[in-house]
N, C-alpha and C. Protein backbone atom coordinates (compact mmCIF):
# COMPACT_ATOMS: atom_id res chain seq x y z
N MET A 1 -61.89 58.94 179.06
CA MET A 1 -62.50 60.26 179.13
C MET A 1 -62.63 60.85 177.73
N ASN A 2 -63.50 61.82 177.60
CA ASN A 2 -63.62 62.56 176.36
C ASN A 2 -62.33 63.32 176.10
N LYS A 3 -61.85 63.31 174.87
CA LYS A 3 -60.60 64.00 174.54
C LYS A 3 -60.83 65.43 174.05
N GLU A 4 -62.08 65.83 173.95
CA GLU A 4 -62.40 67.16 173.44
C GLU A 4 -63.05 68.00 174.54
N LEU A 5 -62.64 69.25 174.61
CA LEU A 5 -63.13 70.16 175.65
C LEU A 5 -63.53 71.49 175.03
N VAL A 6 -64.68 71.98 175.45
CA VAL A 6 -65.11 73.34 175.10
C VAL A 6 -65.10 74.18 176.37
N ILE A 7 -64.35 75.29 176.33
CA ILE A 7 -64.27 76.23 177.44
C ILE A 7 -65.11 77.45 177.09
N ILE A 8 -65.99 77.84 177.99
CA ILE A 8 -66.82 79.02 177.77
C ILE A 8 -66.46 80.06 178.82
N PHE A 9 -66.01 81.22 178.36
CA PHE A 9 -65.72 82.35 179.25
C PHE A 9 -66.99 83.18 179.41
N VAL A 10 -67.41 83.36 180.64
CA VAL A 10 -68.64 84.08 180.94
C VAL A 10 -68.36 85.19 181.94
N LYS A 11 -68.82 86.39 181.63
CA LYS A 11 -68.77 87.47 182.62
C LYS A 11 -69.95 87.30 183.56
N ASN A 12 -69.69 87.46 184.83
CA ASN A 12 -70.80 87.44 185.78
C ASN A 12 -71.77 88.58 185.43
N ILE A 13 -73.03 88.24 185.31
CA ILE A 13 -74.02 89.21 184.84
C ILE A 13 -74.40 90.15 185.97
N LYS A 14 -73.62 91.23 186.05
CA LYS A 14 -73.84 92.21 187.11
C LYS A 14 -74.11 93.57 186.48
N LEU A 15 -75.05 94.28 187.05
CA LEU A 15 -75.41 95.60 186.55
C LEU A 15 -74.19 96.53 186.58
N GLY A 16 -73.93 97.13 185.43
CA GLY A 16 -72.81 98.06 185.34
C GLY A 16 -71.47 97.40 185.05
N LYS A 17 -71.44 96.06 184.94
CA LYS A 17 -70.19 95.34 184.73
C LYS A 17 -70.12 94.63 183.38
N VAL A 18 -71.21 94.61 182.64
CA VAL A 18 -71.23 93.90 181.35
C VAL A 18 -71.57 94.87 180.23
N LYS A 19 -70.92 94.66 179.08
CA LYS A 19 -71.18 95.45 177.88
C LYS A 19 -71.17 96.95 178.19
N THR A 20 -70.04 97.40 178.75
CA THR A 20 -69.95 98.78 179.20
C THR A 20 -69.97 99.77 178.02
N ARG A 21 -69.42 99.38 176.87
CA ARG A 21 -69.48 100.27 175.70
C ARG A 21 -70.91 100.42 175.22
N LEU A 22 -71.64 99.33 175.21
CA LEU A 22 -73.05 99.37 174.82
C LEU A 22 -73.86 100.18 175.82
N ALA A 23 -73.50 100.06 177.09
CA ALA A 23 -74.23 100.75 178.16
C ALA A 23 -74.17 102.27 178.01
N LYS A 24 -73.15 102.78 177.35
CA LYS A 24 -73.04 104.22 177.17
C LYS A 24 -74.20 104.77 176.34
N THR A 25 -74.79 103.90 175.52
CA THR A 25 -75.91 104.31 174.67
C THR A 25 -77.26 103.91 175.24
N ILE A 26 -77.36 102.68 175.75
CA ILE A 26 -78.68 102.19 176.18
C ILE A 26 -78.78 102.02 177.69
N GLY A 27 -77.74 102.42 178.42
CA GLY A 27 -77.77 102.35 179.87
C GLY A 27 -77.37 100.99 180.41
N ASN A 28 -77.05 100.97 181.69
CA ASN A 28 -76.59 99.73 182.33
C ASN A 28 -77.66 98.65 182.32
N LEU A 29 -78.91 99.03 182.55
CA LEU A 29 -79.99 98.04 182.55
C LEU A 29 -80.18 97.43 181.17
N GLY A 30 -80.10 98.27 180.13
CA GLY A 30 -80.23 97.77 178.77
C GLY A 30 -79.11 96.81 178.41
N ALA A 31 -77.88 97.17 178.76
CA ALA A 31 -76.73 96.31 178.50
C ALA A 31 -76.85 94.99 179.25
N PHE A 32 -77.36 95.08 180.47
CA PHE A 32 -77.61 93.88 181.29
C PHE A 32 -78.59 92.95 180.59
N GLU A 33 -79.66 93.52 180.05
CA GLU A 33 -80.68 92.72 179.34
C GLU A 33 -80.08 92.06 178.10
N VAL A 34 -79.29 92.81 177.33
CA VAL A 34 -78.70 92.27 176.10
C VAL A 34 -77.73 91.14 176.43
N TYR A 35 -76.85 91.37 177.39
CA TYR A 35 -75.87 90.33 177.70
C TYR A 35 -76.54 89.07 178.24
N SER A 36 -77.59 89.23 179.01
CA SER A 36 -78.33 88.08 179.54
C SER A 36 -78.87 87.23 178.39
N GLU A 37 -79.38 87.89 177.35
CA GLU A 37 -79.89 87.16 176.18
C GLU A 37 -78.77 86.46 175.42
N LEU A 38 -77.62 87.12 175.31
CA LEU A 38 -76.48 86.52 174.60
C LEU A 38 -75.96 85.28 175.33
N VAL A 39 -75.94 85.34 176.64
CA VAL A 39 -75.50 84.17 177.42
C VAL A 39 -76.45 83.00 177.19
N LYS A 40 -77.73 83.27 177.10
CA LYS A 40 -78.71 82.21 176.83
C LYS A 40 -78.45 81.55 175.48
N ILE A 41 -78.12 82.37 174.48
CA ILE A 41 -77.80 81.83 173.14
C ILE A 41 -76.58 80.92 173.22
N THR A 42 -75.57 81.37 173.94
CA THR A 42 -74.35 80.57 174.08
C THR A 42 -74.63 79.26 174.80
N GLU A 43 -75.44 79.33 175.83
CA GLU A 43 -75.77 78.12 176.60
C GLU A 43 -76.52 77.12 175.72
N THR A 44 -77.44 77.61 174.89
CA THR A 44 -78.18 76.74 173.98
C THR A 44 -77.26 76.10 172.95
N ALA A 45 -76.37 76.91 172.36
CA ALA A 45 -75.46 76.39 171.33
C ALA A 45 -74.54 75.31 171.89
N THR A 46 -74.01 75.54 173.07
CA THR A 46 -73.05 74.58 173.63
C THR A 46 -73.73 73.35 174.21
N SER A 47 -75.02 73.44 174.50
CA SER A 47 -75.73 72.28 175.07
C SER A 47 -75.80 71.14 174.07
N GLU A 48 -75.66 71.44 172.78
CA GLU A 48 -75.75 70.42 171.74
C GLU A 48 -74.41 69.76 171.43
N ILE A 49 -73.35 70.23 172.06
CA ILE A 49 -72.01 69.72 171.79
C ILE A 49 -71.72 68.50 172.68
N LYS A 50 -71.15 67.46 172.11
CA LYS A 50 -70.87 66.25 172.87
C LYS A 50 -69.59 66.35 173.69
N ALA A 51 -68.73 67.29 173.35
CA ALA A 51 -67.47 67.46 174.09
C ALA A 51 -67.75 67.84 175.54
N ASP A 52 -66.76 67.59 176.41
CA ASP A 52 -66.86 68.09 177.78
C ASP A 52 -66.87 69.61 177.76
N LYS A 53 -67.47 70.21 178.78
CA LYS A 53 -67.55 71.66 178.86
C LYS A 53 -67.10 72.15 180.23
N ARG A 54 -66.38 73.25 180.20
CA ARG A 54 -65.98 73.92 181.44
C ARG A 54 -66.37 75.38 181.33
N ILE A 55 -67.03 75.87 182.37
CA ILE A 55 -67.49 77.25 182.38
C ILE A 55 -66.56 78.05 183.29
N TYR A 56 -65.97 79.10 182.73
CA TYR A 56 -65.07 79.96 183.49
C TYR A 56 -65.73 81.32 183.69
N PHE A 57 -66.12 81.60 184.95
CA PHE A 57 -66.75 82.87 185.28
C PHE A 57 -65.69 83.93 185.57
N SER A 58 -66.06 85.19 185.36
CA SER A 58 -65.09 86.28 185.55
C SER A 58 -64.81 86.55 187.02
N ASP A 59 -65.82 86.40 187.88
CA ASP A 59 -65.65 86.77 189.28
C ASP A 59 -66.08 85.68 190.26
N THR A 60 -67.29 85.19 190.07
CA THR A 60 -67.90 84.30 191.05
C THR A 60 -68.60 83.15 190.35
N ILE A 61 -68.44 81.95 190.86
CA ILE A 61 -69.13 80.80 190.28
C ILE A 61 -70.62 80.90 190.58
N MET A 62 -71.42 80.78 189.52
CA MET A 62 -72.88 80.84 189.64
C MET A 62 -73.45 79.43 189.51
N ASN A 63 -74.23 79.03 190.48
CA ASN A 63 -74.81 77.69 190.48
C ASN A 63 -76.21 77.66 189.89
N THR A 64 -76.72 78.82 189.48
CA THR A 64 -78.07 78.87 188.93
C THR A 64 -78.10 78.69 187.42
N THR A 65 -76.94 78.69 186.79
CA THR A 65 -76.87 78.51 185.33
C THR A 65 -75.81 77.47 184.99
N TRP A 66 -75.81 77.04 183.71
CA TRP A 66 -74.82 76.09 183.20
C TRP A 66 -74.75 74.85 184.10
N ASN A 67 -75.90 74.25 184.34
CA ASN A 67 -75.95 73.07 185.19
C ASN A 67 -75.21 71.89 184.56
N HIS A 68 -74.69 71.03 185.43
CA HIS A 68 -74.05 69.77 185.03
C HIS A 68 -72.72 69.97 184.31
N HIS A 69 -72.09 71.11 184.48
CA HIS A 69 -70.77 71.35 183.91
C HIS A 69 -69.79 71.75 185.01
N GLN A 70 -68.51 71.48 184.78
CA GLN A 70 -67.50 71.95 185.70
C GLN A 70 -67.40 73.47 185.62
N LYS A 71 -67.23 74.12 186.76
CA LYS A 71 -67.19 75.57 186.80
C LYS A 71 -65.94 76.05 187.52
N PHE A 72 -65.36 77.12 186.98
CA PHE A 72 -64.13 77.68 187.52
C PHE A 72 -64.22 79.19 187.50
N ILE A 73 -63.26 79.83 188.14
CA ILE A 73 -63.10 81.27 188.05
C ILE A 73 -61.86 81.56 187.21
N GLN A 74 -61.97 82.51 186.29
CA GLN A 74 -60.83 82.88 185.44
C GLN A 74 -59.69 83.41 186.30
N GLU A 75 -58.46 82.99 185.96
CA GLU A 75 -57.29 83.40 186.74
C GLU A 75 -56.29 84.13 185.85
N GLY A 76 -55.94 85.35 186.26
CA GLY A 76 -54.96 86.12 185.50
C GLY A 76 -55.32 87.58 185.46
N ASP A 77 -54.32 88.42 185.20
CA ASP A 77 -54.51 89.87 185.21
C ASP A 77 -55.04 90.42 183.89
N ASP A 78 -54.89 89.67 182.80
CA ASP A 78 -55.44 90.12 181.52
C ASP A 78 -56.06 88.94 180.79
N LEU A 79 -56.76 89.22 179.70
CA LEU A 79 -57.48 88.18 178.98
C LEU A 79 -56.55 87.07 178.50
N GLY A 80 -55.37 87.45 178.00
CA GLY A 80 -54.44 86.44 177.50
C GLY A 80 -54.03 85.45 178.58
N THR A 81 -53.69 85.97 179.74
CA THR A 81 -53.28 85.10 180.85
C THR A 81 -54.43 84.21 181.29
N ARG A 82 -55.63 84.77 181.33
CA ARG A 82 -56.79 83.97 181.75
C ARG A 82 -57.07 82.84 180.77
N MET A 83 -56.97 83.13 179.47
CA MET A 83 -57.18 82.07 178.47
C MET A 83 -56.06 81.03 178.54
N LYS A 84 -54.83 81.51 178.65
CA LYS A 84 -53.69 80.59 178.72
C LYS A 84 -53.84 79.62 179.88
N ASN A 85 -54.22 80.14 181.04
CA ASN A 85 -54.36 79.28 182.22
C ASN A 85 -55.47 78.24 182.03
N ALA A 86 -56.55 78.63 181.37
CA ALA A 86 -57.65 77.69 181.12
C ALA A 86 -57.21 76.58 180.17
N PHE A 87 -56.47 76.94 179.12
CA PHE A 87 -55.95 75.94 178.19
C PHE A 87 -54.95 75.01 178.88
N LEU A 88 -54.04 75.60 179.66
CA LEU A 88 -53.04 74.79 180.35
C LEU A 88 -53.69 73.74 181.24
N LYS A 89 -54.71 74.14 181.98
CA LYS A 89 -55.40 73.19 182.85
C LYS A 89 -56.05 72.08 182.03
N GLY A 90 -56.65 72.47 180.90
CA GLY A 90 -57.30 71.47 180.05
C GLY A 90 -56.31 70.45 179.51
N PHE A 91 -55.18 70.90 179.01
CA PHE A 91 -54.17 69.97 178.49
C PHE A 91 -53.56 69.14 179.62
N ASN A 92 -53.31 69.76 180.75
CA ASN A 92 -52.76 69.01 181.89
C ASN A 92 -53.71 67.93 182.38
N ASP A 93 -55.00 68.15 182.16
CA ASP A 93 -56.00 67.17 182.58
C ASP A 93 -56.26 66.10 181.53
N GLY A 94 -55.53 66.15 180.42
CA GLY A 94 -55.59 65.07 179.44
C GLY A 94 -56.40 65.32 178.19
N PHE A 95 -56.98 66.51 178.04
CA PHE A 95 -57.73 66.80 176.82
C PHE A 95 -56.76 67.03 175.66
N GLU A 96 -57.18 66.64 174.46
CA GLU A 96 -56.30 66.72 173.29
C GLU A 96 -56.71 67.80 172.29
N ARG A 97 -57.97 68.14 172.28
CA ARG A 97 -58.47 69.21 171.39
C ARG A 97 -59.35 70.12 172.25
N ILE A 98 -58.95 71.39 172.34
CA ILE A 98 -59.64 72.32 173.22
C ILE A 98 -60.06 73.57 172.43
N VAL A 99 -61.30 73.94 172.58
CA VAL A 99 -61.84 75.14 171.94
C VAL A 99 -62.38 76.07 173.02
N LEU A 100 -62.05 77.35 172.91
CA LEU A 100 -62.52 78.35 173.87
C LEU A 100 -63.33 79.41 173.14
N ILE A 101 -64.49 79.76 173.70
CA ILE A 101 -65.33 80.81 173.14
C ILE A 101 -65.74 81.77 174.24
N GLY A 102 -66.19 82.95 173.83
CA GLY A 102 -66.79 83.89 174.75
C GLY A 102 -68.29 83.64 174.81
N SER A 103 -69.02 84.59 175.38
CA SER A 103 -70.46 84.38 175.57
C SER A 103 -71.27 85.59 175.13
N ASP A 104 -70.76 86.31 174.11
CA ASP A 104 -71.49 87.49 173.66
C ASP A 104 -71.70 87.49 172.14
N LEU A 105 -71.87 86.29 171.58
CA LEU A 105 -72.04 86.15 170.14
C LEU A 105 -73.48 85.80 169.80
N PRO A 106 -74.19 86.70 169.12
CA PRO A 106 -75.59 86.43 168.80
C PRO A 106 -75.78 85.33 167.77
N ASP A 107 -74.77 85.06 166.95
CA ASP A 107 -74.93 84.09 165.87
C ASP A 107 -74.17 82.80 166.09
N ILE A 108 -73.63 82.58 167.30
CA ILE A 108 -72.88 81.36 167.55
C ILE A 108 -73.83 80.16 167.51
N SER A 109 -73.34 79.05 166.97
CA SER A 109 -74.14 77.84 166.91
C SER A 109 -73.26 76.64 167.22
N ALA A 110 -73.90 75.52 167.45
CA ALA A 110 -73.15 74.29 167.70
C ALA A 110 -72.26 73.95 166.51
N LEU A 111 -72.71 74.27 165.30
CA LEU A 111 -71.93 73.94 164.10
C LEU A 111 -70.59 74.66 164.08
N HIS A 112 -70.57 75.92 164.49
CA HIS A 112 -69.30 76.66 164.52
C HIS A 112 -68.30 75.95 165.44
N ILE A 113 -68.78 75.53 166.59
CA ILE A 113 -67.90 74.89 167.57
C ILE A 113 -67.46 73.51 167.08
N GLU A 114 -68.38 72.76 166.51
CA GLU A 114 -68.05 71.44 165.98
C GLU A 114 -67.05 71.54 164.83
N ASN A 115 -67.20 72.55 163.98
CA ASN A 115 -66.24 72.76 162.89
C ASN A 115 -64.85 73.07 163.44
N ALA A 116 -64.80 73.81 164.53
CA ALA A 116 -63.51 74.13 165.14
C ALA A 116 -62.84 72.88 165.69
N ILE A 117 -63.61 72.05 166.38
CA ILE A 117 -63.06 70.80 166.92
C ILE A 117 -62.56 69.91 165.79
N GLU A 118 -63.33 69.83 164.72
CA GLU A 118 -62.94 69.01 163.57
C GLU A 118 -61.65 69.54 162.94
N ALA A 119 -61.53 70.85 162.86
CA ALA A 119 -60.33 71.45 162.25
C ALA A 119 -59.07 71.08 163.01
N LEU A 120 -59.19 70.85 164.31
CA LEU A 120 -58.02 70.52 165.13
C LEU A 120 -57.49 69.11 164.87
N ASN A 121 -58.18 68.35 164.06
CA ASN A 121 -57.64 67.07 163.60
C ASN A 121 -56.59 67.27 162.51
N LYS A 122 -56.57 68.47 161.92
CA LYS A 122 -55.69 68.73 160.78
C LYS A 122 -54.69 69.85 161.05
N THR A 123 -55.06 70.81 161.89
CA THR A 123 -54.16 71.92 162.19
C THR A 123 -54.03 72.10 163.69
N GLU A 124 -52.95 72.73 164.10
CA GLU A 124 -52.68 72.89 165.53
C GLU A 124 -53.51 74.00 166.16
N VAL A 125 -53.93 74.97 165.34
CA VAL A 125 -54.65 76.13 165.86
C VAL A 125 -55.82 76.45 164.94
N VAL A 126 -56.93 76.87 165.53
CA VAL A 126 -58.07 77.33 164.74
C VAL A 126 -58.61 78.60 165.37
N PHE A 127 -59.01 79.55 164.52
CA PHE A 127 -59.60 80.80 164.98
C PHE A 127 -60.98 81.00 164.36
N GLY A 128 -61.86 81.61 165.13
CA GLY A 128 -63.10 82.16 164.60
C GLY A 128 -62.93 83.66 164.55
N PRO A 129 -62.67 84.24 163.38
CA PRO A 129 -62.41 85.68 163.30
C PRO A 129 -63.64 86.51 163.65
N ALA A 130 -63.41 87.60 164.35
CA ALA A 130 -64.48 88.57 164.63
C ALA A 130 -64.32 89.75 163.69
N GLU A 131 -65.41 90.41 163.39
CA GLU A 131 -65.38 91.52 162.43
C GLU A 131 -64.52 92.69 162.92
N ASP A 132 -64.29 92.77 164.23
CA ASP A 132 -63.51 93.89 164.76
C ASP A 132 -62.01 93.65 164.74
N GLY A 133 -61.58 92.52 164.14
CA GLY A 133 -60.15 92.24 164.04
C GLY A 133 -59.62 91.32 165.11
N GLY A 134 -60.45 90.94 166.04
CA GLY A 134 -60.07 89.96 167.05
C GLY A 134 -60.58 88.58 166.68
N TYR A 135 -60.85 87.76 167.67
CA TYR A 135 -61.44 86.46 167.38
C TYR A 135 -62.43 86.08 168.47
N TYR A 136 -63.49 85.39 168.04
CA TYR A 136 -64.53 84.96 168.99
C TYR A 136 -64.30 83.54 169.47
N LEU A 137 -63.38 82.84 168.81
CA LEU A 137 -63.10 81.44 169.14
C LEU A 137 -61.63 81.17 168.87
N ILE A 138 -61.04 80.37 169.74
CA ILE A 138 -59.69 79.87 169.51
C ILE A 138 -59.64 78.42 169.95
N GLY A 139 -59.00 77.59 169.13
CA GLY A 139 -58.85 76.18 169.47
C GLY A 139 -57.41 75.73 169.27
N LEU A 140 -56.96 74.82 170.13
CA LEU A 140 -55.60 74.29 170.06
C LEU A 140 -55.62 72.78 170.23
N ASN A 141 -54.68 72.10 169.57
CA ASN A 141 -54.50 70.68 169.86
C ASN A 141 -53.16 70.41 170.55
N LYS A 142 -52.42 71.49 170.81
CA LYS A 142 -51.24 71.44 171.69
C LYS A 142 -51.01 72.86 172.21
N MET A 143 -50.34 72.95 173.32
CA MET A 143 -50.18 74.25 173.96
C MET A 143 -49.16 75.12 173.24
N HIS A 144 -49.56 76.34 172.91
CA HIS A 144 -48.66 77.35 172.37
C HIS A 144 -48.86 78.62 173.21
N SER A 145 -48.13 78.74 174.28
CA SER A 145 -48.34 79.83 175.23
C SER A 145 -48.13 81.20 174.62
N PHE A 146 -47.24 81.31 173.62
CA PHE A 146 -46.93 82.62 173.05
C PHE A 146 -48.16 83.27 172.42
N ILE A 147 -49.14 82.48 172.01
CA ILE A 147 -50.35 83.03 171.41
C ILE A 147 -51.04 84.00 172.36
N PHE A 148 -50.88 83.77 173.66
CA PHE A 148 -51.59 84.55 174.67
C PHE A 148 -50.73 85.61 175.34
N GLU A 149 -49.51 85.76 174.86
CA GLU A 149 -48.57 86.66 175.52
C GLU A 149 -48.21 87.85 174.64
N ASN A 150 -48.17 89.04 175.26
CA ASN A 150 -47.77 90.27 174.57
C ASN A 150 -48.59 90.53 173.31
N LYS A 151 -49.90 90.46 173.46
CA LYS A 151 -50.80 90.68 172.33
C LYS A 151 -51.66 91.93 172.55
N PRO A 152 -52.08 92.57 171.46
CA PRO A 152 -52.89 93.81 171.57
C PRO A 152 -54.37 93.49 171.80
N TRP A 153 -54.69 93.07 173.01
CA TRP A 153 -56.07 92.68 173.33
C TRP A 153 -57.02 93.84 173.08
N SER A 154 -58.17 93.51 172.49
CA SER A 154 -59.24 94.48 172.18
C SER A 154 -58.82 95.48 171.11
N GLN A 155 -57.77 95.17 170.37
CA GLN A 155 -57.34 96.03 169.27
C GLN A 155 -57.66 95.37 167.93
N SER A 156 -57.75 96.20 166.88
CA SER A 156 -58.19 95.70 165.57
C SER A 156 -57.15 94.83 164.87
N ASN A 157 -55.92 94.80 165.37
CA ASN A 157 -54.86 93.99 164.73
C ASN A 157 -54.53 92.73 165.52
N LEU A 158 -55.38 92.34 166.47
CA LEU A 158 -55.08 91.19 167.31
C LEU A 158 -54.90 89.91 166.50
N LEU A 159 -55.89 89.56 165.69
CA LEU A 159 -55.81 88.31 164.94
C LEU A 159 -54.69 88.35 163.91
N GLU A 160 -54.53 89.49 163.24
CA GLU A 160 -53.48 89.64 162.24
C GLU A 160 -52.10 89.41 162.86
N LYS A 161 -51.86 90.05 163.99
CA LYS A 161 -50.55 89.91 164.64
C LYS A 161 -50.32 88.47 165.10
N THR A 162 -51.36 87.84 165.63
CA THR A 162 -51.23 86.46 166.11
C THR A 162 -50.93 85.51 164.95
N CYS A 163 -51.62 85.70 163.83
CA CYS A 163 -51.40 84.83 162.67
C CYS A 163 -50.00 85.02 162.07
N LEU A 164 -49.51 86.25 162.06
CA LEU A 164 -48.16 86.50 161.57
C LEU A 164 -47.12 85.76 162.42
N GLU A 165 -47.36 85.76 163.71
CA GLU A 165 -46.44 85.06 164.61
C GLU A 165 -46.48 83.55 164.37
N LEU A 166 -47.66 83.02 164.14
CA LEU A 166 -47.80 81.59 163.83
C LEU A 166 -47.08 81.25 162.53
N ASP A 167 -47.24 82.11 161.53
CA ASP A 167 -46.56 81.89 160.25
C ASP A 167 -45.04 81.83 160.43
N LYS A 168 -44.51 82.76 161.22
CA LYS A 168 -43.06 82.81 161.44
C LYS A 168 -42.55 81.54 162.12
N LYS A 169 -43.40 80.94 162.93
CA LYS A 169 -43.01 79.72 163.64
C LYS A 169 -43.42 78.46 162.88
N ASN A 170 -43.95 78.64 161.64
CA ASN A 170 -44.37 77.52 160.80
C ASN A 170 -45.39 76.61 161.50
N ILE A 171 -46.32 77.25 162.20
CA ILE A 171 -47.40 76.50 162.87
C ILE A 171 -48.67 76.65 162.03
N LYS A 172 -49.24 75.53 161.64
CA LYS A 172 -50.42 75.55 160.80
C LYS A 172 -51.65 76.00 161.60
N PHE A 173 -52.45 76.84 160.95
CA PHE A 173 -53.71 77.25 161.57
C PHE A 173 -54.77 77.37 160.49
N THR A 174 -56.01 77.39 160.93
CA THR A 174 -57.11 77.59 160.00
C THR A 174 -58.10 78.57 160.62
N THR A 175 -58.95 79.14 159.79
CA THR A 175 -59.94 80.09 160.27
C THR A 175 -61.34 79.64 159.86
N LEU A 176 -62.29 79.97 160.69
CA LEU A 176 -63.70 79.67 160.43
C LEU A 176 -64.37 80.90 159.81
N VAL A 177 -65.69 80.86 159.74
CA VAL A 177 -66.42 82.02 159.22
C VAL A 177 -66.30 83.18 160.21
N THR A 178 -66.37 84.39 159.69
CA THR A 178 -66.29 85.59 160.51
C THR A 178 -67.67 85.89 161.12
N LEU A 179 -67.67 86.20 162.41
CA LEU A 179 -68.89 86.60 163.10
C LEU A 179 -68.67 87.93 163.80
N ASN A 180 -69.75 88.56 164.20
CA ASN A 180 -69.66 89.84 164.90
C ASN A 180 -70.23 89.70 166.30
N ASP A 181 -69.51 90.21 167.29
CA ASP A 181 -70.07 90.23 168.63
C ASP A 181 -70.78 91.57 168.83
N ILE A 182 -71.39 91.74 169.97
CA ILE A 182 -72.16 92.94 170.26
C ILE A 182 -71.41 93.79 171.27
N ASP A 183 -70.74 94.83 170.77
CA ASP A 183 -70.01 95.73 171.65
C ASP A 183 -70.64 97.12 171.72
N THR A 184 -71.23 97.54 170.59
CA THR A 184 -71.77 98.90 170.52
C THR A 184 -73.24 98.87 170.13
N PHE A 185 -73.89 100.01 170.23
CA PHE A 185 -75.30 100.11 169.83
C PHE A 185 -75.45 99.81 168.35
N GLU A 186 -74.47 100.23 167.54
CA GLU A 186 -74.52 99.95 166.11
C GLU A 186 -74.45 98.45 165.85
N ASP A 187 -73.60 97.75 166.59
CA ASP A 187 -73.53 96.29 166.49
C ASP A 187 -74.90 95.68 166.81
N LEU A 188 -75.50 96.19 167.86
CA LEU A 188 -76.78 95.64 168.31
C LEU A 188 -77.87 95.81 167.27
N THR A 189 -78.06 97.04 166.80
CA THR A 189 -79.17 97.32 165.88
C THR A 189 -78.97 96.69 164.51
N ALA A 190 -77.71 96.40 164.15
CA ALA A 190 -77.44 95.76 162.85
C ALA A 190 -77.62 94.25 162.89
N SER A 191 -77.74 93.68 164.08
CA SER A 191 -77.76 92.22 164.21
C SER A 191 -79.17 91.65 164.00
N SER A 192 -79.23 90.51 163.35
CA SER A 192 -80.51 89.81 163.19
C SER A 192 -81.04 89.36 164.55
N PHE A 193 -80.12 89.11 165.48
CA PHE A 193 -80.49 88.74 166.85
C PHE A 193 -81.41 89.79 167.45
N TYR A 194 -81.09 91.06 167.28
CA TYR A 194 -81.89 92.14 167.85
C TYR A 194 -83.14 92.40 167.01
N LYS A 195 -82.97 92.39 165.70
CA LYS A 195 -84.11 92.67 164.81
C LYS A 195 -85.23 91.65 164.98
N SER A 196 -84.87 90.42 165.31
CA SER A 196 -85.89 89.37 165.43
C SER A 196 -86.41 89.20 166.86
N ASN A 197 -85.85 89.95 167.81
CA ASN A 197 -86.24 89.82 169.20
C ASN A 197 -87.07 91.03 169.62
N LEU A 198 -88.37 90.98 169.32
CA LEU A 198 -89.25 92.11 169.60
C LEU A 198 -89.36 92.39 171.10
N LYS A 199 -89.33 91.33 171.88
CA LYS A 199 -89.42 91.49 173.33
C LYS A 199 -88.24 92.30 173.86
N LEU A 200 -87.04 91.98 173.35
CA LEU A 200 -85.85 92.71 173.78
C LEU A 200 -85.91 94.15 173.30
N GLN A 201 -86.36 94.38 172.08
CA GLN A 201 -86.49 95.74 171.56
C GLN A 201 -87.41 96.58 172.44
N GLN A 202 -88.53 95.99 172.80
CA GLN A 202 -89.50 96.71 173.64
C GLN A 202 -88.91 97.01 175.02
N ARG A 203 -88.17 96.05 175.54
CA ARG A 203 -87.56 96.24 176.85
C ARG A 203 -86.53 97.37 176.82
N ILE A 204 -85.71 97.40 175.78
CA ILE A 204 -84.71 98.46 175.65
C ILE A 204 -85.39 99.81 175.49
N GLN A 205 -86.46 99.85 174.71
CA GLN A 205 -87.18 101.12 174.52
C GLN A 205 -87.80 101.61 175.81
N GLN A 206 -88.41 100.69 176.57
CA GLN A 206 -89.01 101.06 177.85
C GLN A 206 -87.97 101.63 178.81
N LEU A 207 -86.78 101.04 178.80
CA LEU A 207 -85.74 101.47 179.72
C LEU A 207 -85.20 102.86 179.36
N ASN A 208 -85.36 103.22 178.10
CA ASN A 208 -84.77 104.47 177.64
C ASN A 208 -85.79 105.56 177.32
N ASP A 209 -87.05 105.29 177.60
CA ASP A 209 -88.09 106.30 177.41
C ASP A 209 -88.01 107.38 178.50
């Protein structure tokens, strides 16, 4: 079997349930449109990866997207527990290098994911830092459950606190290039993803006229 696994966490694309911070500015329909486009970008980027892929949906398995991949529902009361459980299953099933990403990154590419997998040949942990202080990607070549426990999820010190803990335990890690996800209207309008997508701009404008 393939020893490398890419896990993609996807929120079920439901009106009023995705990009709620963004929705405060452009409405639920606008946020729905943006997240739908971001998921397409993620699907395209991961389609070029040779590693096995597992899609973890937030609520319900969707059979209309992500064809030909194993699909699961995220299990756990918070993000850390859900990620930990997905990694545990991957390692228990025999994978040796596992990378997990979200699905709201306008600039994610196959190269970012491939670089993460390659880094796991040299270090036990790899992060893709996000501009907000969290991370858009995490990869492991062995299970370290503490990474997912008692962490300030969605806070600006998440990555810093996690790296300090790794340092204290003398666990080697590496970081990739920093990327920005789309959480707010300012994130959206500053992104090349939005600036280059005239169709999406027009759709958002129509919804808010």
